[in-house]
Amino acid sequence: MESIFAPWLIWFVVGVVLAFVELMAPGIIIIFFGVGCWVVAGVLAIYPITLSQQVLLFIVASILSIVFLRRWFMKIFKGMSSDKNEADYDDFPKGEKVDVVQSISPHSTGRVKFRGTLWDAASDEEIDEGETVELVKYAENSNQVFFVKKL
């Protein structure tokens, strides 16, 4: 049965789809299957081959492109990485000055206003409502409670 689309066009479109899927997936692997599709499309545009030959050519071209092109692609499309390790990196707003809206004591948390939102805050000293304090760190390994100190 004859297809509406030429076989080379089908292989080419599948290769384009795989290239777009690569944009959403981590690592550089899927694009090489797209390259395999494009090799088959190129051969089919010049010379008609059977379906089993197309599949074999796709497998061989995909494997060869992974073996010979992956290192080159990785150099070109390398990602950015931080020089800080994950344990050292956070986006804590250290040094920000905030207002206390509920008193803080060493034995109980209070509340501070930061960027228009109320946050729980802890301190090792008594801090009264209305005072301005500085954000020092997160309290007790929590990203929900600020540890603050008086200015």
N, C-alpha and C. Protein backbone atom coordinates (compact mmCIF):
# COMPACT_ATOMS: atom_id res chain seq x y z
N MET A 1 0.84 -1.18 0.00
CA MET A 1 0.00 0.00 0.00
C MET A 1 0.89 1.25 0.00
N GLU A 2 0.60 2.17 -0.86
CA GLU A 2 1.38 3.41 -1.02
C GLU A 2 1.00 4.42 0.06
N SER A 3 2.00 5.06 0.64
CA SER A 3 1.77 6.06 1.67
C SER A 3 1.48 7.42 1.03
N ILE A 4 0.73 8.24 1.74
CA ILE A 4 0.43 9.60 1.26
C ILE A 4 1.72 10.43 1.23
N PHE A 5 2.57 10.21 2.20
CA PHE A 5 3.82 10.96 2.31
C PHE A 5 4.97 10.10 1.83
N ALA A 6 5.96 10.72 1.24
CA ALA A 6 7.16 10.01 0.81
C ALA A 6 7.90 9.52 2.06
N PRO A 7 8.49 8.33 2.00
CA PRO A 7 9.20 7.81 3.17
C PRO A 7 10.31 8.74 3.68
N TRP A 8 11.02 9.39 2.77
CA TRP A 8 12.09 10.29 3.21
C TRP A 8 11.53 11.45 4.03
N LEU A 9 10.32 11.91 3.66
CA LEU A 9 9.70 13.01 4.39
C LEU A 9 9.30 12.57 5.79
N ILE A 10 8.80 11.37 5.92
CA ILE A 10 8.41 10.84 7.23
C ILE A 10 9.64 10.77 8.14
N TRP A 11 10.74 10.20 7.62
CA TRP A 11 11.97 10.11 8.41
C TRP A 11 12.48 11.50 8.80
N PHE A 12 12.41 12.44 7.88
CA PHE A 12 12.88 13.80 8.17
C PHE A 12 12.05 14.45 9.27
N VAL A 13 10.72 14.33 9.18
CA VAL A 13 9.83 14.93 10.18
C VAL A 13 10.05 14.28 11.55
N VAL A 14 10.21 12.96 11.58
CA VAL A 14 10.48 12.29 12.85
C VAL A 14 11.79 12.81 13.45
N GLY A 15 12.80 13.04 12.60
CA GLY A 15 14.06 13.60 13.07
C GLY A 15 13.89 14.99 13.66
N VAL A 16 13.06 15.82 13.04
CA VAL A 16 12.80 17.16 13.56
C VAL A 16 12.08 17.07 14.91
N VAL A 17 11.11 16.18 15.02
CA VAL A 17 10.38 16.00 16.28
C VAL A 17 11.35 15.56 17.38
N LEU A 18 12.25 14.63 17.08
CA LEU A 18 13.22 14.19 18.08
C LEU A 18 14.16 15.32 18.48
N ALA A 19 14.51 16.19 17.54
CA ALA A 19 15.37 17.34 17.86
C ALA A 19 14.65 18.27 18.83
N PHE A 20 13.36 18.49 18.63
CA PHE A 20 12.60 19.34 19.56
C PHE A 20 12.42 18.67 20.92
N VAL A 21 12.25 17.36 20.94
CA VAL A 21 12.14 16.64 22.21
C VAL A 21 13.44 16.78 23.00
N GLU A 22 14.57 16.81 22.31
CA GLU A 22 15.87 16.97 22.98
C GLU A 22 15.93 18.29 23.75
N LEU A 23 15.27 19.31 23.27
CA LEU A 23 15.28 20.60 23.95
C LEU A 23 14.63 20.52 25.33
N MET A 24 13.72 19.59 25.52
CA MET A 24 13.01 19.46 26.79
C MET A 24 13.60 18.40 27.71
N ALA A 25 14.54 17.61 27.20
CA ALA A 25 15.10 16.51 27.98
C ALA A 25 16.53 16.83 28.41
N PRO A 26 16.92 16.37 29.59
CA PRO A 26 18.30 16.60 30.02
C PRO A 26 19.26 15.65 29.30
N GLY A 27 20.49 16.05 29.19
CA GLY A 27 21.48 15.21 28.51
C GLY A 27 21.35 15.38 27.02
N ILE A 28 22.38 14.99 26.31
CA ILE A 28 22.33 15.10 24.85
C ILE A 28 22.38 13.69 24.29
N ILE A 29 21.22 13.09 24.09
CA ILE A 29 21.14 11.73 23.53
C ILE A 29 20.09 11.66 22.43
N ILE A 30 18.91 12.18 22.67
CA ILE A 30 17.78 12.02 21.75
C ILE A 30 18.08 12.63 20.38
N ILE A 31 18.85 13.71 20.35
CA ILE A 31 19.18 14.36 19.08
C ILE A 31 19.89 13.41 18.13
N PHE A 32 20.64 12.45 18.66
CA PHE A 32 21.38 11.53 17.80
C PHE A 32 20.45 10.54 17.09
N PHE A 33 19.31 10.26 17.69
CA PHE A 33 18.31 9.46 16.99
C PHE A 33 17.69 10.29 15.88
N GLY A 34 17.57 11.59 16.11
CA GLY A 34 17.13 12.50 15.05
C GLY A 34 18.13 12.53 13.90
N VAL A 35 19.43 12.53 14.24
CA VAL A 35 20.46 12.49 13.20
C VAL A 35 20.34 11.20 12.40
N GLY A 36 20.08 10.08 13.09
CA GLY A 36 19.87 8.80 12.40
C GLY A 36 18.70 8.88 11.43
N CYS A 37 17.62 9.55 11.86
CA CYS A 37 16.45 9.74 10.98
C CYS A 37 16.82 10.57 9.76
N TRP A 38 17.61 11.61 9.98
CA TRP A 38 17.99 12.48 8.86
C TRP A 38 18.92 11.78 7.87
N VAL A 39 19.77 10.89 8.37
CA VAL A 39 20.63 10.10 7.48
C VAL A 39 19.76 9.21 6.59
N VAL A 40 18.79 8.55 7.20
CA VAL A 40 17.87 7.69 6.43
C VAL A 40 17.10 8.53 5.42
N ALA A 41 16.62 9.70 5.82
CA ALA A 41 15.88 10.58 4.91
C ALA A 41 16.77 10.99 3.74
N GLY A 42 18.04 11.30 4.02
CA GLY A 42 18.96 11.69 2.94
C GLY A 42 19.21 10.56 1.97
N VAL A 43 19.42 9.35 2.49
CA VAL A 43 19.65 8.19 1.61
C VAL A 43 18.39 7.91 0.79
N LEU A 44 17.22 7.98 1.41
CA LEU A 44 15.97 7.72 0.69
C LEU A 44 15.69 8.76 -0.38
N ALA A 45 16.15 9.98 -0.16
CA ALA A 45 15.95 11.02 -1.18
C ALA A 45 16.76 10.74 -2.44
N ILE A 46 17.87 10.01 -2.28
CA ILE A 46 18.74 9.71 -3.41
C ILE A 46 18.49 8.31 -3.98
N TYR A 47 18.26 7.35 -3.09
CA TYR A 47 18.19 5.95 -3.51
C TYR A 47 17.11 5.23 -2.72
N PRO A 48 16.19 4.52 -3.38
CA PRO A 48 15.14 3.81 -2.64
C PRO A 48 15.68 2.53 -1.99
N ILE A 49 15.40 2.38 -0.68
CA ILE A 49 15.80 1.17 0.02
C ILE A 49 14.58 0.59 0.74
N THR A 50 14.66 -0.68 1.10
CA THR A 50 13.52 -1.35 1.73
C THR A 50 13.37 -0.88 3.18
N LEU A 51 12.24 -1.21 3.77
CA LEU A 51 11.97 -0.80 5.15
C LEU A 51 12.99 -1.42 6.11
N SER A 52 13.33 -2.69 5.92
CA SER A 52 14.31 -3.32 6.80
C SER A 52 15.68 -2.65 6.66
N GLN A 53 16.04 -2.23 5.45
CA GLN A 53 17.30 -1.52 5.26
C GLN A 53 17.23 -0.13 5.91
N GLN A 54 16.07 0.49 5.86
CA GLN A 54 15.89 1.81 6.49
C GLN A 54 16.10 1.70 8.00
N VAL A 55 15.48 0.69 8.61
CA VAL A 55 15.60 0.50 10.06
C VAL A 55 17.05 0.19 10.43
N LEU A 56 17.71 -0.68 9.66
CA LEU A 56 19.11 -1.01 9.93
C LEU A 56 19.99 0.23 9.79
N LEU A 57 19.78 1.01 8.74
CA LEU A 57 20.55 2.24 8.53
C LEU A 57 20.30 3.23 9.68
N PHE A 58 19.05 3.33 10.14
CA PHE A 58 18.72 4.21 11.26
C PHE A 58 19.50 3.79 12.51
N ILE A 59 19.51 2.51 12.82
CA ILE A 59 20.20 2.01 14.01
C ILE A 59 21.70 2.29 13.91
N VAL A 60 22.29 1.96 12.77
CA VAL A 60 23.73 2.16 12.59
C VAL A 60 24.08 3.65 12.64
N ALA A 61 23.32 4.47 11.94
CA ALA A 61 23.60 5.92 11.91
C ALA A 61 23.43 6.53 13.29
N SER A 62 22.43 6.11 14.04
CA SER A 62 22.22 6.64 15.39
C SER A 62 23.38 6.27 16.31
N ILE A 63 23.79 5.01 16.28
CA ILE A 63 24.90 4.57 17.13
C ILE A 63 26.19 5.29 16.75
N LEU A 64 26.47 5.39 15.46
CA LEU A 64 27.70 6.07 15.03
C LEU A 64 27.67 7.55 15.39
N SER A 65 26.52 8.18 15.29
CA SER A 65 26.44 9.60 15.65
C SER A 65 26.65 9.80 17.15
N ILE A 66 26.14 8.87 17.95
CA ILE A 66 26.38 8.95 19.40
C ILE A 66 27.87 8.79 19.69
N VAL A 67 28.49 7.80 19.08
CA VAL A 67 29.89 7.50 19.34
C VAL A 67 30.81 8.64 18.88
N PHE A 68 30.55 9.19 17.69
CA PHE A 68 31.48 10.16 17.12
C PHE A 68 31.10 11.63 17.33
N LEU A 69 29.84 11.92 17.57
CA LEU A 69 29.43 13.32 17.67
C LEU A 69 29.08 13.80 19.08
N ARG A 70 28.84 12.89 20.00
CA ARG A 70 28.37 13.30 21.33
C ARG A 70 29.39 14.18 22.05
N ARG A 71 30.64 13.83 22.03
CA ARG A 71 31.66 14.62 22.72
C ARG A 71 31.73 16.03 22.10
N TRP A 72 31.64 16.10 20.79
CA TRP A 72 31.67 17.40 20.11
C TRP A 72 30.45 18.23 20.48
N PHE A 73 29.26 17.61 20.48
CA PHE A 73 28.03 18.31 20.86
C PHE A 73 28.10 18.79 22.30
N MET A 74 28.66 17.98 23.20
CA MET A 74 28.74 18.34 24.61
C MET A 74 29.63 19.57 24.81
N LYS A 75 30.67 19.71 24.01
CA LYS A 75 31.53 20.89 24.09
C LYS A 75 30.79 22.13 23.63
N ILE A 76 30.00 22.00 22.58
CA ILE A 76 29.29 23.15 22.02
C ILE A 76 28.11 23.55 22.91
N PHE A 77 27.35 22.58 23.38
CA PHE A 77 26.14 22.85 24.14
C PHE A 77 26.32 22.58 25.62
N LYS A 78 27.45 22.98 26.17
CA LYS A 78 27.68 22.73 27.59
C LYS A 78 26.83 23.66 28.43
N GLY A 79 26.42 23.18 29.59
CA GLY A 79 25.61 23.97 30.50
C GLY A 79 26.48 24.77 31.44
N MET A 80 25.85 25.64 32.17
CA MET A 80 26.55 26.44 33.16
C MET A 80 26.41 25.75 34.51
N SER A 81 27.46 25.78 35.29
CA SER A 81 27.38 25.23 36.62
C SER A 81 27.97 26.23 37.60
N SER A 82 27.54 26.13 38.80
CA SER A 82 28.00 27.03 39.85
C SER A 82 29.30 26.50 40.42
N ASP A 83 30.17 27.39 40.85
CA ASP A 83 31.38 26.95 41.50
C ASP A 83 31.14 26.65 42.97
N LYS A 84 29.92 26.88 43.42
CA LYS A 84 29.56 26.58 44.80
C LYS A 84 28.86 25.24 44.85
N ASN A 85 29.17 24.44 45.87
CA ASN A 85 28.45 23.18 45.97
C ASN A 85 27.07 23.43 46.56
N GLU A 86 26.21 22.47 46.42
CA GLU A 86 24.80 22.62 46.78
C GLU A 86 24.61 22.98 48.25
N ALA A 87 25.46 22.48 49.13
CA ALA A 87 25.31 22.75 50.55
C ALA A 87 25.63 24.21 50.87
N ASP A 88 26.54 24.81 50.11
CA ASP A 88 26.94 26.19 50.37
C ASP A 88 26.03 27.21 49.71
N TYR A 89 25.28 26.79 48.72
CA TYR A 89 24.51 27.74 47.93
C TYR A 89 23.08 27.87 48.43
N ASP A 90 22.65 29.08 48.63
CA ASP A 90 21.24 29.36 48.86
C ASP A 90 20.99 30.82 48.46
N ASP A 91 19.78 31.19 48.44
CA ASP A 91 19.44 32.55 48.05
C ASP A 91 19.00 33.36 49.26
N PHE A 92 19.58 33.06 50.40
CA PHE A 92 19.20 33.75 51.64
C PHE A 92 19.55 35.23 51.55
N PRO A 93 18.62 36.10 51.95
CA PRO A 93 18.84 37.55 51.88
C PRO A 93 19.61 38.08 53.08
N LYS A 94 20.79 37.56 53.31
CA LYS A 94 21.58 37.93 54.49
C LYS A 94 21.84 39.44 54.51
N GLY A 95 21.66 40.01 55.70
CA GLY A 95 21.93 41.43 55.87
C GLY A 95 20.74 42.34 55.62
N GLU A 96 19.63 41.79 55.15
CA GLU A 96 18.44 42.61 54.91
C GLU A 96 17.91 43.14 56.23
N LYS A 97 17.45 44.37 56.22
CA LYS A 97 16.85 44.99 57.41
C LYS A 97 15.34 44.83 57.32
N VAL A 98 14.74 44.31 58.39
CA VAL A 98 13.29 44.06 58.42
C VAL A 98 12.71 44.57 59.73
N ASP A 99 11.40 44.80 59.73
CA ASP A 99 10.70 45.27 60.93
C ASP A 99 10.06 44.10 61.66
N VAL A 100 10.13 44.15 62.97
CA VAL A 100 9.50 43.13 63.82
C VAL A 100 8.05 43.54 64.03
N VAL A 101 7.12 42.63 63.72
CA VAL A 101 5.70 42.91 63.90
C VAL A 101 5.10 42.14 65.08
N GLN A 102 5.84 41.17 65.60
CA GLN A 102 5.44 40.44 66.79
C GLN A 102 6.72 40.14 67.58
N SER A 103 6.71 40.42 68.86
CA SER A 103 7.90 40.29 69.70
C SER A 103 8.55 38.92 69.57
N ILE A 104 9.89 38.92 69.65
CA ILE A 104 10.69 37.70 69.53
C ILE A 104 11.46 37.52 70.83
N SER A 105 11.51 36.31 71.33
CA SER A 105 12.30 36.01 72.52
C SER A 105 13.11 34.74 72.26
N PRO A 106 14.11 34.48 73.09
CA PRO A 106 14.92 33.26 72.89
C PRO A 106 14.11 31.97 73.01
N HIS A 107 12.94 32.05 73.68
CA HIS A 107 12.14 30.85 73.91
C HIS A 107 10.96 30.70 72.96
N SER A 108 10.63 31.77 72.21
CA SER A 108 9.50 31.67 71.28
C SER A 108 9.75 32.53 70.04
N THR A 109 9.22 32.06 68.94
CA THR A 109 9.40 32.81 67.70
C THR A 109 8.43 33.98 67.65
N GLY A 110 8.81 34.97 66.87
CA GLY A 110 7.95 36.11 66.61
C GLY A 110 7.74 36.23 65.12
N ARG A 111 7.38 37.43 64.68
CA ARG A 111 7.12 37.63 63.25
C ARG A 111 7.83 38.88 62.77
N VAL A 112 8.35 38.81 61.54
CA VAL A 112 8.96 39.96 60.89
C VAL A 112 8.30 40.15 59.52
N LYS A 113 8.38 41.39 59.04
CA LYS A 113 7.82 41.67 57.72
C LYS A 113 8.97 41.80 56.73
N PHE A 114 8.98 40.91 55.74
CA PHE A 114 10.03 40.88 54.73
C PHE A 114 9.39 40.77 53.35
N ARG A 115 9.68 41.74 52.48
CA ARG A 115 9.13 41.79 51.12
C ARG A 115 7.61 41.70 51.11
N GLY A 116 6.99 42.38 52.04
CA GLY A 116 5.53 42.46 52.08
C GLY A 116 4.84 41.26 52.67
N THR A 117 5.59 40.32 53.21
CA THR A 117 5.02 39.10 53.77
C THR A 117 5.52 38.91 55.20
N LEU A 118 4.68 38.34 56.04
CA LEU A 118 5.08 38.05 57.41
C LEU A 118 5.77 36.69 57.48
N TRP A 119 6.91 36.67 58.20
CA TRP A 119 7.70 35.46 58.35
C TRP A 119 7.93 35.19 59.83
N ASP A 120 8.03 33.91 60.19
CA ASP A 120 8.43 33.56 61.55
C ASP A 120 9.90 33.92 61.71
N ALA A 121 10.26 34.35 62.93
CA ALA A 121 11.64 34.73 63.20
C ALA A 121 12.04 34.29 64.60
N ALA A 122 13.27 33.90 64.74
CA ALA A 122 13.82 33.49 66.04
C ALA A 122 15.07 34.31 66.33
N SER A 123 15.39 34.42 67.59
CA SER A 123 16.58 35.16 68.01
C SER A 123 17.03 34.63 69.36
N ASP A 124 18.28 34.92 69.70
CA ASP A 124 18.77 34.52 71.02
C ASP A 124 18.72 35.68 72.01
N GLU A 125 17.96 36.73 71.64
CA GLU A 125 17.79 37.89 72.52
C GLU A 125 16.35 38.40 72.42
N GLU A 126 15.93 39.17 73.41
CA GLU A 126 14.59 39.75 73.41
C GLU A 126 14.54 40.89 72.39
N ILE A 127 13.54 40.84 71.51
CA ILE A 127 13.36 41.91 70.52
C ILE A 127 11.90 42.31 70.56
N ASP A 128 11.64 43.59 70.76
CA ASP A 128 10.27 44.08 70.87
C ASP A 128 9.67 44.41 69.52
N GLU A 129 8.35 44.39 69.49
CA GLU A 129 7.59 44.77 68.31
C GLU A 129 7.97 46.19 67.90
N GLY A 130 8.12 46.43 66.59
CA GLY A 130 8.44 47.76 66.08
C GLY A 130 9.92 48.00 65.86
N GLU A 131 10.78 47.15 66.41
CA GLU A 131 12.22 47.32 66.21
C GLU A 131 12.62 46.83 64.82
N THR A 132 13.75 47.33 64.34
CA THR A 132 14.30 46.88 63.07
C THR A 132 15.45 45.92 63.37
N VAL A 133 15.46 44.79 62.65
CA VAL A 133 16.47 43.76 62.87
C VAL A 133 17.12 43.39 61.54
N GLU A 134 18.18 42.62 61.64
CA GLU A 134 18.90 42.16 60.45
C GLU A 134 18.72 40.65 60.31
N LEU A 135 18.47 40.19 59.07
CA LEU A 135 18.38 38.75 58.81
C LEU A 135 19.79 38.18 58.79
N VAL A 136 20.01 37.12 59.57
CA VAL A 136 21.34 36.54 59.70
C VAL A 136 21.44 35.21 58.96
N LYS A 137 20.47 34.32 59.19
CA LYS A 137 20.48 32.99 58.59
C LYS A 137 19.10 32.38 58.77
N TYR A 138 18.95 31.16 58.29
CA TYR A 138 17.74 30.42 58.59
C TYR A 138 17.90 29.79 59.97
N ALA A 139 16.83 29.71 60.72
CA ALA A 139 16.88 29.15 62.07
C ALA A 139 16.64 27.65 62.04
N GLU A 140 17.41 26.93 62.83
CA GLU A 140 17.19 25.50 63.05
C GLU A 140 17.01 24.68 61.78
N ASN A 141 17.85 24.88 60.82
CA ASN A 141 17.80 24.15 59.55
C ASN A 141 16.43 24.22 58.88
N SER A 142 15.78 25.35 59.00
CA SER A 142 14.47 25.55 58.38
C SER A 142 14.54 26.70 57.41
N ASN A 143 14.00 26.53 56.25
CA ASN A 143 13.91 27.63 55.28
C ASN A 143 12.63 28.42 55.47
N GLN A 144 11.95 28.21 56.58
CA GLN A 144 10.70 28.89 56.87
C GLN A 144 10.83 29.90 58.01
N VAL A 145 11.88 29.79 58.81
CA VAL A 145 12.06 30.65 59.98
C VAL A 145 13.40 31.37 59.86
N PHE A 146 13.36 32.70 59.93
CA PHE A 146 14.58 33.50 59.90
C PHE A 146 15.18 33.61 61.29
N PHE A 147 16.50 33.59 61.38
CA PHE A 147 17.20 33.93 62.60
C PHE A 147 17.65 35.37 62.45
N VAL A 148 17.30 36.22 63.42
CA VAL A 148 17.58 37.65 63.30
C VAL A 148 18.39 38.15 64.49
N LYS A 149 19.01 39.34 64.33
CA LYS A 149 19.72 39.96 65.43
C LYS A 149 19.39 41.45 65.42
N LYS A 150 19.49 42.06 66.60
CA LYS A 150 19.24 43.50 66.73
C LYS A 150 20.32 44.26 66.00
N LEU A 151 19.96 45.46 65.54
CA LEU A 151 20.95 46.34 64.91
C LEU A 151 21.71 47.11 65.94
